[in-house]
Protein backbone atom coordinates (compact mmCIF):
# COMPACT_ATOMS: atom_id res chain seq x y z
CA MET A 1 100.70 114.90 105.53
CA ILE A 2 98.57 117.54 103.87
CA ILE A 3 101.36 119.43 103.29
CA ILE A 4 103.48 116.50 101.33
CA ALA A 5 100.09 115.49 99.65
CA ILE A 6 99.68 119.22 97.80
CA LEU A 7 103.47 119.27 97.44
CA PHE A 8 103.28 115.96 94.96
CA ILE A 9 100.00 117.26 93.08
CA SER A 10 101.41 120.31 92.53
CA VAL A 11 104.61 118.55 90.81
CA GLY A 12 102.62 116.20 89.10
CA LEU A 13 100.58 119.16 87.47
CA MET A 14 103.44 120.79 86.70
CA PHE A 15 104.73 117.32 84.77
CA LEU A 16 101.16 117.42 83.07
CA VAL A 17 101.03 121.41 82.50
CA TYR A 18 104.68 121.74 81.84
CA PRO A 19 106.68 118.38 79.84
CA HIS A 20 110.25 119.04 79.39
CA LYS A 21 111.16 119.20 76.09
CA VAL A 22 114.43 118.60 74.53
CA THR A 23 115.95 120.76 71.91
CA ASP A 24 118.10 118.24 70.19
CA ALA A 25 115.84 115.41 70.05
CA SER A 26 114.22 113.84 67.49
CA GLU A 27 110.40 113.85 67.31
CA LYS A 28 110.15 110.28 68.50
CA GLN A 29 112.51 110.93 71.50
CA ILE A 30 110.19 114.35 72.26
CA THR A 31 106.99 112.19 71.84
CA GLU A 32 108.13 109.38 74.36
CA GLN A 33 109.15 111.62 76.63
CA LEU A 34 105.62 113.74 76.48
CA ILE A 35 104.14 110.48 76.84
CA MET A 36 106.34 109.95 79.54
CA SER A 37 106.20 113.35 81.86
CA ARG A 38 102.49 113.05 81.67
CA TRP A 39 102.59 109.44 82.89
CA VAL A 40 104.74 110.62 85.64
CA GLY A 41 102.44 113.39 86.50
CA GLY A 42 99.24 111.42 86.78
CA SER A 43 101.24 108.78 88.58
CA LEU A 44 101.99 111.43 90.97
CA ILE A 45 98.48 113.22 91.12
CA ALA A 46 96.39 110.04 91.76
CA LEU A 47 98.75 108.39 94.43
CA SER A 48 98.92 111.74 96.36
CA CYS A 49 94.97 111.42 96.49
CA LEU A 50 94.56 107.55 97.56
CA PHE A 51 97.47 109.03 100.06
CA LEU A 52 95.07 111.61 101.64
CA ILE A 53 92.21 109.50 101.16
CA MET A 54 93.89 106.87 103.50
CA GLY A 55 95.07 109.10 105.61
CA THR A 56 91.20 110.63 106.19
CA ILE A 57 90.44 106.69 106.76
CA GLN A 58 92.54 106.27 109.28
CA LEU A 59 91.73 109.11 111.15
CA PHE A 60 88.10 108.07 111.26
CA ASP A 61 89.10 104.33 112.31
CA GLN A 62 90.99 106.20 115.08
CA ALA A 63 88.09 108.03 116.26
CA SER A 64 85.54 105.28 115.91
CA HIS A 65 88.56 103.77 118.13
CA HIS A 66 88.08 106.06 120.96
CA ILE A 67 84.14 106.36 120.88
CA GLY A 68 84.31 102.89 121.59
CA HIS A 69 86.39 102.54 124.48
């Protein structure tokens, strides 16, 4: 689970730091692609953090269940 989250976070950072550029595109297309790349990168990072938080909560829930029984 942690390895997958780290992979998604690293891909998200790549989208944020190194957005893809098309050489034959107009200025408007480059701007739209830059915005989309940043949006995808930010979404990947946010969802990966949510994935880690939900996994941690699930582990705590399982541990507390075993303590009570």
